C-alpha atoms as a PDB file:
ATOM      1  CA  MET A   1     -19.149  87.162 -38.744  1.00  0.00           C
ATOM      2  CA  LYS A   2     -20.024  83.858 -40.411  1.00  0.00           C
ATOM      3  CA  ALA A   3     -18.905  82.428 -43.745  1.00  0.00           C
ATOM      4  CA  MET A   4     -19.875  79.887 -46.376  1.00  0.00           C
ATOM      5  CA  ILE A   5     -17.466  77.805 -48.433  1.00  0.00           C
ATOM      6  CA  PHE A   6     -18.755  76.440 -51.736  1.00  0.00           C
ATOM      7  CA  ALA A   7     -17.504  72.839 -51.941  1.00  0.00           C
ATOM      8  CA  ALA A   8     -20.321  71.038 -53.774  1.00  0.00           C
ATOM      9  CA  GLY A   9     -18.974  71.303 -57.333  1.00  0.00           C
ATOM     10  CA  MET A  10     -18.000  68.295 -59.424  1.00  0.00           C
ATOM     11  CA  GLY A  11     -14.491  69.640 -60.011  1.00  0.00           C
ATOM     12  CA  THR A  12     -14.365  68.439 -63.619  1.00  0.00           C
ATOM     13  CA  ARG A  13     -11.346  70.639 -64.395  1.00  0.00           C
ATOM     14  CA  LEU A  14      -9.369  68.866 -61.673  1.00  0.00           C
ATOM     15  CA  LYS A  15      -9.661  65.371 -63.102  1.00  0.00           C
ATOM     16  CA  PRO A  16      -8.359  62.719 -62.570  1.00  0.00           C
ATOM     17  CA  PHE A  17      -8.184  63.666 -58.857  1.00  0.00           C
ATOM     18  CA  THR A  18     -11.913  64.403 -58.743  1.00  0.00           C
ATOM     19  CA  ASP A  19     -12.795  61.009 -60.210  1.00  0.00           C
ATOM     20  CA  LYS A  20     -12.334  59.690 -56.677  1.00  0.00           C
ATOM     21  CA  HIS A  21     -12.278  62.772 -54.429  1.00  0.00           C
ATOM     22  CA  PRO A  22     -13.963  66.173 -53.975  1.00  0.00           C
ATOM     23  CA  LYS A  23     -11.894  69.120 -55.192  1.00  0.00           C
ATOM     24  CA  ALA A  24     -11.976  70.680 -51.707  1.00  0.00           C
ATOM     25  CA  LEU A  25      -9.689  67.877 -50.510  1.00  0.00           C
ATOM     26  CA  ALA A  26      -6.985  68.463 -53.128  1.00  0.00           C
ATOM     27  CA  VAL A  27      -3.688  68.876 -51.293  1.00  0.00           C
ATOM     28  CA  VAL A  28      -1.275  71.805 -51.503  1.00  0.00           C
ATOM     29  CA  ASN A  29       1.907  71.312 -49.446  1.00  0.00           C
ATOM     30  CA  ASN A  30       0.358  68.736 -47.091  1.00  0.00           C
ATOM     31  CA  LYS A  31      -2.819  70.733 -46.435  1.00  0.00           C
ATOM     32  CA  THR A  32      -6.135  70.364 -48.228  1.00  0.00           C
ATOM     33  CA  LEU A  33      -7.730  73.365 -49.907  1.00  0.00           C
ATOM     34  CA  LEU A  34     -10.553  73.084 -47.387  1.00  0.00           C
ATOM     35  CA  GLN A  35      -8.207  73.267 -44.398  1.00  0.00           C
ATOM     36  CA  ARG A  36      -6.335  76.190 -45.916  1.00  0.00           C
ATOM     37  CA  ASN A  37      -9.513  78.180 -46.478  1.00  0.00           C
ATOM     38  CA  ILE A  38     -10.912  77.454 -43.033  1.00  0.00           C
ATOM     39  CA  GLU A  39      -7.604  78.656 -41.568  1.00  0.00           C
ATOM     40  CA  TYR A  40      -7.616  81.668 -43.910  1.00  0.00           C
ATOM     41  CA  LEU A  41     -10.994  82.755 -42.532  1.00  0.00           C
ATOM     42  CA  GLN A  42      -9.716  82.260 -38.981  1.00  0.00           C
ATOM     43  CA  GLN A  43      -7.040  84.905 -39.619  1.00  0.00           C
ATOM     44  CA  PHE A  44      -9.871  87.446 -39.770  1.00  0.00           C
ATOM     45  CA  GLY A  45     -11.782  86.174 -36.752  1.00  0.00           C
ATOM     46  CA  ILE A  46     -14.242  83.992 -38.669  1.00  0.00           C
ATOM     47  CA  TYR A  47     -14.714  80.665 -36.896  1.00  0.00           C
ATOM     48  CA  ASN A  48     -18.314  79.871 -37.860  1.00  0.00           C
ATOM     49  CA  VAL A  49     -18.581  78.292 -41.296  1.00  0.00           C
ATOM     50  CA  ILE A  50     -21.153  76.392 -43.325  1.00  0.00           C
ATOM     51  CA  ILE A  51     -19.993  74.236 -46.237  1.00  0.00           C
ATOM     52  CA  ASN A  52     -22.203  72.870 -48.996  1.00  0.00           C
ATOM     53  CA  VAL A  53     -21.362  69.365 -50.200  1.00  0.00           C
ATOM     54  CA  HIS A  54     -22.400  67.074 -53.045  1.00  0.00           C
ATOM     55  CA  HIS A  55     -19.554  65.335 -54.902  1.00  0.00           C
ATOM     56  CA  PHE A  56     -18.010  62.692 -52.571  1.00  0.00           C
ATOM     57  CA  SER A  57     -19.712  64.521 -49.708  1.00  0.00           C
ATOM     58  CA  ASN A  58     -18.842  61.823 -47.152  1.00  0.00           C
ATOM     59  CA  GLN A  59     -15.124  62.439 -47.650  1.00  0.00           C
ATOM     60  CA  ILE A  60     -15.546  66.103 -46.746  1.00  0.00           C
ATOM     61  CA  ILE A  61     -17.736  65.297 -43.752  1.00  0.00           C
ATOM     62  CA  ASN A  62     -15.246  62.679 -42.521  1.00  0.00           C
ATOM     63  CA  ALA A  63     -12.300  65.056 -42.930  1.00  0.00           C
ATOM     64  CA  LEU A  64     -14.087  67.718 -40.899  1.00  0.00           C
ATOM     65  CA  GLU A  65     -14.981  65.263 -38.162  1.00  0.00           C
ATOM     66  CA  GLU A  66     -11.499  63.727 -37.981  1.00  0.00           C
ATOM     67  CA  ASN A  67      -9.873  67.158 -37.743  1.00  0.00           C
ATOM     68  CA  LYS A  68     -12.547  68.779 -35.562  1.00  0.00           C
ATOM     69  CA  GLY A  69     -13.156  71.437 -38.182  1.00  0.00           C
ATOM     70  CA  TRP A  70      -9.514  72.526 -37.927  1.00  0.00           C
ATOM     71  CA  GLY A  71     -10.550  74.655 -34.976  1.00  0.00           C
ATOM     72  CA  SER A  72     -13.723  76.163 -36.432  1.00  0.00           C
ATOM     73  CA  ASP A  73     -17.388  75.437 -35.775  1.00  0.00           C
ATOM     74  CA  VAL A  74     -18.387  73.932 -39.131  1.00  0.00           C
ATOM     75  CA  LEU A  75     -21.853  72.904 -40.303  1.00  0.00           C
ATOM     76  CA  ILE A  76     -22.796  71.056 -43.487  1.00  0.00           C
ATOM     77  CA  SER A  77     -25.413  72.062 -46.056  1.00  0.00           C
ATOM     78  CA  ASN A  78     -26.103  68.752 -47.766  1.00  0.00           C
ATOM     79  CA  GLU A  79     -26.803  68.869 -51.492  1.00  0.00           C
ATOM     80  CA  THR A  80     -26.283  65.148 -52.070  1.00  0.00           C
ATOM     81  CA  ASP A  81     -29.629  64.768 -53.855  1.00  0.00           C
ATOM     82  CA  GLU A  82     -29.052  67.661 -56.268  1.00  0.00           C
ATOM     83  CA  VAL A  83     -26.168  70.086 -56.711  1.00  0.00           C
ATOM     84  CA  LEU A  84     -27.707  73.558 -56.643  1.00  0.00           C
ATOM     85  CA  GLU A  85     -24.824  75.613 -58.077  1.00  0.00           C
ATOM     86  CA  THR A  86     -23.563  78.626 -56.167  1.00  0.00           C
ATOM     87  CA  GLY A  87     -26.772  80.658 -56.047  1.00  0.00           C
ATOM     88  CA  GLY A  88     -29.040  77.778 -55.171  1.00  0.00           C
ATOM     89  CA  GLY A  89     -26.527  76.562 -52.630  1.00  0.00           C
ATOM     90  CA  LEU A  90     -26.436  79.942 -50.929  1.00  0.00           C
ATOM     91  CA  LYS A  91     -30.214  80.201 -50.870  1.00  0.00           C
ATOM     92  CA  LYS A  92     -30.500  76.779 -49.224  1.00  0.00           C
ATOM     93  CA  ALA A  93     -28.078  77.917 -46.504  1.00  0.00           C
ATOM     94  CA  ALA A  94     -29.881  81.227 -45.876  1.00  0.00           C
ATOM     95  CA  TRP A  95     -31.147  80.012 -42.479  1.00  0.00           C
ATOM     96  CA  TYR A  96     -27.555  79.922 -41.190  1.00  0.00           C
ATOM     97  CA  PHE A  97     -27.192  83.692 -41.571  1.00  0.00           C
ATOM     98  CA  LYS A  98     -30.543  84.610 -40.031  1.00  0.00           C
ATOM     99  CA  ASN A  99     -29.130  86.795 -37.242  1.00  0.00           C
ATOM    100  CA  GLU A 100     -26.240  88.278 -39.238  1.00  0.00           C
ATOM    101  CA  ASN A 101     -25.881  91.591 -41.062  1.00  0.00           C
ATOM    102  CA  ASP A 102     -23.075  90.608 -43.420  1.00  0.00           C
ATOM    103  CA  PHE A 103     -21.257  87.386 -44.213  1.00  0.00           C
ATOM    104  CA  VAL A 104     -18.410  86.044 -46.355  1.00  0.00           C
ATOM    105  CA  VAL A 105     -18.672  83.496 -49.167  1.00  0.00           C
ATOM    106  CA  MET A 106     -15.738  81.856 -50.929  1.00  0.00           C
ATOM    107  CA  ASN A 107     -15.034  79.032 -53.342  1.00  0.00           C
ATOM    108  CA  ALA A 108     -13.215  76.022 -51.940  1.00  0.00           C
ATOM    109  CA  ASP A 109     -10.752  75.935 -54.831  1.00  0.00           C
ATOM    110  CA  VAL A 110      -9.198  79.397 -54.499  1.00  0.00           C
ATOM    111  CA  LEU A 111      -6.208  80.357 -52.377  1.00  0.00           C
ATOM    112  CA  THR A 112      -5.225  83.904 -51.482  1.00  0.00           C
ATOM    113  CA  ASP A 113      -3.520  86.095 -48.906  1.00  0.00           C
ATOM    114  CA  MET A 114      -5.870  88.992 -49.694  1.00  0.00           C
ATOM    115  CA  HIS A 115      -6.626  91.239 -46.712  1.00  0.00           C
ATOM    116  CA  LEU A 116     -10.219  90.143 -46.171  1.00  0.00           C
ATOM    117  CA  ASN A 117     -10.648  92.633 -43.325  1.00  0.00           C
ATOM    118  CA  GLU A 118     -10.068  95.503 -45.769  1.00  0.00           C
ATOM    119  CA  MET A 119     -12.699  94.097 -48.112  1.00  0.00           C
ATOM    120  CA  ILE A 120     -15.200  93.764 -45.259  1.00  0.00           C
ATOM    121  CA  HIS A 121     -14.444  97.326 -44.115  1.00  0.00           C
ATOM    122  CA  GLN A 122     -15.045  98.725 -47.618  1.00  0.00           C
ATOM    123  CA  HIS A 123     -18.270  96.744 -47.916  1.00  0.00           C
ATOM    124  CA  GLN A 124     -19.633  98.063 -44.640  1.00  0.00           C
ATOM    125  CA  GLN A 125     -18.479 101.648 -45.195  1.00  0.00           C
ATOM    126  CA  LYS A 126     -20.239 101.801 -48.562  1.00  0.00           C
ATOM    127  CA  LYS A 127     -23.273  99.894 -47.249  1.00  0.00           C
ATOM    128  CA  CYS A 128     -23.245  97.546 -50.222  1.00  0.00           C
ATOM    129  CA  LEU A 129     -25.583  94.705 -50.993  1.00  0.00           C
ATOM    130  CA  ALA A 130     -22.537  92.735 -52.132  1.00  0.00           C
ATOM    131  CA  THR A 131     -18.824  93.309 -52.637  1.00  0.00           C
ATOM    132  CA  LEU A 132     -16.937  91.089 -55.073  1.00  0.00           C
ATOM    133  CA  ALA A 133     -13.206  90.418 -54.879  1.00  0.00           C
ATOM    134  CA  VAL A 134     -11.605  91.005 -58.279  1.00  0.00           C
ATOM    135  CA  SER A 135      -8.170  91.506 -59.798  1.00  0.00           C
ATOM    136  CA  ASP A 136      -6.603  92.635 -63.057  1.00  0.00           C
ATOM    137  CA  ARG A 137      -5.492  89.162 -64.152  1.00  0.00           C
ATOM    138  CA  ILE A 138      -6.496  87.743 -67.548  1.00  0.00           C
ATOM    139  CA  SER A 139      -9.670  85.652 -67.512  1.00  0.00           C
ATOM    140  CA  SER A 140     -11.988  84.312 -70.203  1.00  0.00           C
ATOM    141  CA  ARG A 141     -15.002  85.435 -68.170  1.00  0.00           C
ATOM    142  CA  SER A 142     -15.200  88.738 -66.331  1.00  0.00           C
ATOM    143  CA  PHE A 143     -17.558  91.020 -64.501  1.00  0.00           C
ATOM    144  CA  LEU A 144     -17.898  94.484 -66.024  1.00  0.00           C
ATOM    145  CA  PHE A 145     -17.748  97.571 -63.799  1.00  0.00           C
ATOM    146  CA  ASN A 146     -18.057 101.305 -64.344  1.00  0.00           C
ATOM    147  CA  ALA A 147     -15.594 103.960 -63.157  1.00  0.00           C
ATOM    148  CA  ASN A 148     -17.237 103.898 -59.703  1.00  0.00           C
ATOM    149  CA  ASN A 149     -16.568 100.148 -59.401  1.00  0.00           C
ATOM    150  CA  GLU A 150     -20.298  99.393 -59.662  1.00  0.00           C
ATOM    151  CA  LEU A 151     -21.325  96.150 -61.339  1.00  0.00           C
ATOM    152  CA  CYS A 152     -22.698  96.753 -64.833  1.00  0.00           C
ATOM    153  CA  GLY A 153     -22.574  93.351 -66.502  1.00  0.00           C
ATOM    154  CA  TRP A 154     -20.658  90.231 -67.458  1.00  0.00           C
ATOM    155  CA  GLN A 155     -18.738  89.052 -70.490  1.00  0.00           C
ATOM    156  CA  ASN A 156     -17.215  85.930 -71.999  1.00  0.00           C
ATOM    157  CA  ALA A 157     -14.124  86.998 -73.922  1.00  0.00           C
ATOM    158  CA  GLN A 158     -13.956  83.716 -75.832  1.00  0.00           C
ATOM    159  CA  THR A 159     -17.499  83.846 -77.220  1.00  0.00           C
ATOM    160  CA  ASN A 160     -17.910  87.660 -77.143  1.00  0.00           C
ATOM    161  CA  GLU A 161     -21.143  87.184 -75.190  1.00  0.00           C
ATOM    162  CA  GLN A 162     -22.081  90.151 -73.015  1.00  0.00           C
ATOM    163  CA  LYS A 163     -24.859  90.802 -70.531  1.00  0.00           C
ATOM    164  CA  ILE A 164     -25.232  94.500 -69.712  1.00  0.00           C
ATOM    165  CA  VAL A 165     -27.576  95.435 -66.864  1.00  0.00           C
ATOM    166  CA  ARG A 166     -26.444  98.962 -66.007  1.00  0.00           C
ATOM    167  CA  ALA A 167     -25.624 101.691 -68.541  1.00  0.00           C
ATOM    168  CA  SER A 168     -22.121 103.158 -68.525  1.00  0.00           C
ATOM    169  CA  GLU A 169     -19.848 105.128 -70.843  1.00  0.00           C
ATOM    170  CA  THR A 170     -17.109 102.590 -70.227  1.00  0.00           C
ATOM    171  CA  PHE A 171     -17.082  98.983 -69.035  1.00  0.00           C
ATOM    172  CA  ILE A 172     -14.015  97.832 -67.131  1.00  0.00           C
ATOM    173  CA  PRO A 173     -13.509  94.040 -67.093  1.00  0.00           C
ATOM    174  CA  LYS A 174     -12.265  92.507 -63.858  1.00  0.00           C
ATOM    175  CA  ALA A 175     -11.613  88.842 -63.118  1.00  0.00           C
ATOM    176  CA  PHE A 176     -13.754  87.590 -60.236  1.00  0.00           C
ATOM    177  CA  SER A 177     -11.830  85.782 -57.515  1.00  0.00           C
ATOM    178  CA  GLY A 178     -14.667  83.723 -56.038  1.00  0.00           C
ATOM    179  CA  ILE A 179     -14.822  85.677 -52.764  1.00  0.00           C
ATOM    180  CA  HIS A 180     -17.837  87.762 -51.755  1.00  0.00           C
ATOM    181  CA  VAL A 181     -18.968  89.844 -48.801  1.00  0.00           C
ATOM    182  CA  ILE A 182     -22.773  89.938 -48.816  1.00  0.00           C
ATOM    183  CA  ASN A 183     -25.480  91.680 -46.819  1.00  0.00           C
ATOM    184  CA  THR A 184     -28.201  89.340 -45.590  1.00  0.00           C
ATOM    185  CA  SER A 185     -30.889  91.544 -47.137  1.00  0.00           C
ATOM    186  CA  ILE A 186     -30.032  89.787 -50.396  1.00  0.00           C
ATOM    187  CA  PHE A 187     -32.072  86.744 -49.395  1.00  0.00           C
ATOM    188  CA  SER A 188     -35.360  88.631 -49.586  1.00  0.00           C
ATOM    189  CA  LEU A 189     -34.429  89.763 -53.115  1.00  0.00           C
ATOM    190  CA  ILE A 190     -33.544  86.410 -54.653  1.00  0.00           C
ATOM    191  CA  GLN A 191     -36.341  85.339 -57.002  1.00  0.00           C
ATOM    192  CA  GLN A 192     -34.562  82.386 -58.602  1.00  0.00           C
ATOM    193  CA  GLU A 193     -35.447  78.849 -57.546  1.00  0.00           C
ATOM    194  CA  ARG A 194     -33.485  75.613 -57.152  1.00  0.00           C
ATOM    195  CA  LYS A 195     -30.397  75.499 -59.407  1.00  0.00           C
ATOM    196  CA  PHE A 196     -28.806  78.847 -60.354  1.00  0.00           C
ATOM    197  CA  SER A 197     -25.536  80.744 -60.043  1.00  0.00           C
ATOM    198  CA  MET A 198     -24.458  83.774 -58.049  1.00  0.00           C
ATOM    199  CA  VAL A 199     -23.823  85.482 -61.398  1.00  0.00           C
ATOM    200  CA  ASP A 200     -27.564  85.189 -62.101  1.00  0.00           C
ATOM    201  CA  ILE A 201     -28.350  86.833 -58.771  1.00  0.00           C
ATOM    202  CA  TYR A 202     -25.928  89.708 -59.168  1.00  0.00           C
ATOM    203  CA  LEU A 203     -26.933  90.531 -62.735  1.00  0.00           C
ATOM    204  CA  SER A 204     -30.616  90.510 -61.777  1.00  0.00           C
ATOM    205  CA  LEU A 205     -30.000  92.985 -58.933  1.00  0.00           C
ATOM    206  CA  ALA A 206     -27.131  95.193 -60.136  1.00  0.00           C
ATOM    207  CA  SER A 207     -29.295  97.824 -61.829  1.00  0.00           C
ATOM    208  CA  LYS A 208     -31.079  98.681 -58.578  1.00  0.00           C
ATOM    209  CA  TYR A 209     -28.684  97.772 -55.780  1.00  0.00           C
ATOM    210  CA  ASN A 210     -25.136  98.629 -54.773  1.00  0.00           C
ATOM    211  CA  ILE A 211     -22.951  95.720 -55.920  1.00  0.00           C
ATOM    212  CA  VAL A 212     -19.305  96.769 -56.179  1.00  0.00           C
ATOM    213  CA  SER A 213     -15.801  95.427 -56.640  1.00  0.00           C
ATOM    214  CA  PHE A 214     -12.845  95.171 -54.280  1.00  0.00           C
ATOM    215  CA  ASN A 215      -9.619  95.052 -56.274  1.00  0.00           C
ATOM    216  CA  HIS A 216      -6.977  92.913 -54.573  1.00  0.00           C
ATOM    217  CA  SER A 217      -4.412  92.986 -57.397  1.00  0.00           C
ATOM    218  CA  GLY A 218      -0.987  92.581 -55.865  1.00  0.00           C
ATOM    219  CA  SER A 219      -1.978  89.949 -53.328  1.00  0.00           C
ATOM    220  CA  LYS A 220      -1.278  86.273 -53.837  1.00  0.00           C
ATOM    221  CA  PHE A 221      -4.113  84.473 -55.593  1.00  0.00           C
ATOM    222  CA  ILE A 222      -4.631  81.269 -57.522  1.00  0.00           C
ATOM    223  CA  ASP A 223      -7.605  79.267 -58.744  1.00  0.00           C
ATOM    224  CA  VAL A 224      -6.614  75.682 -58.005  1.00  0.00           C
ATOM    225  CA  GLY A 225      -9.209  74.265 -60.361  1.00  0.00           C
ATOM    226  CA  LYS A 226      -6.689  72.608 -62.691  1.00  0.00           C
ATOM    227  CA  PRO A 227      -4.039  69.940 -61.939  1.00  0.00           C
ATOM    228  CA  GLU A 228      -1.180  72.137 -63.191  1.00  0.00           C
ATOM    229  CA  ASN A 229      -2.224  74.851 -60.747  1.00  0.00           C
ATOM    230  CA  ILE A 230      -1.539  72.572 -57.784  1.00  0.00           C
ATOM    231  CA  ILE A 231       2.174  72.877 -58.553  1.00  0.00           C
ATOM    232  CA  LYS A 232       1.886  76.659 -58.948  1.00  0.00           C
ATOM    233  CA  ALA A 233      -0.031  76.878 -55.671  1.00  0.00           C
ATOM    234  CA  GLU A 234       2.706  74.963 -53.837  1.00  0.00           C
ATOM    235  CA  SER A 235       5.223  77.640 -54.844  1.00  0.00           C
ATOM    236  CA  LEU A 236       2.925  80.393 -53.530  1.00  0.00           C
ATOM    237  CA  PHE A 237       1.475  78.895 -50.352  1.00  0.00           C
ATOM    238  CA  ILE A 238       3.852  77.061 -48.037  1.00  0.00           C
END
């Protein structure tokens, strides 16, 4: 199986570090986030990775070259001219997954010890278009699922904005962890062009296709998007 790591973002929440560096090269206990996530994927037999880059892209490319991909075969999807967000970035890299059935996508700024193999197994058993890693933690923005763990919508708890795309008697909010397992058939369904998010894709397809959650509550997880979370991450990931 192949994977994609999203590393093109500006990392504005991680300032002042990202004034001079890409967020993927933030360091937690002497290892960059990028190295940690490449090694995380290796634990589950994934050694073929594509990484999209934009903000200080040369630093990421140099780090990969100097460290020989930390043991993985890594390719670059260059978004130097225009950052395409997560959805646009995935669409640009579609060629990389041409001969695959399923693949993994993850954000560069998350760390976890979640059992990715269990998530992949669930995804393949249920023959899903996409499976989204979620947990029960508090988050200002959440995906909404029904009792069958099927994606029904999205909400912003701070603004009370909701987008409902599938009817349900109840909507269960779950915090998205930035990790996906996706079937390659999704590429033929994406109608959006250029700059758009994965949220846009999922909400446009959820009413007709099987997009479900994988709850990894109980595993270690942290979004290292803020400076104070670097310290928290260092207590969780040695």
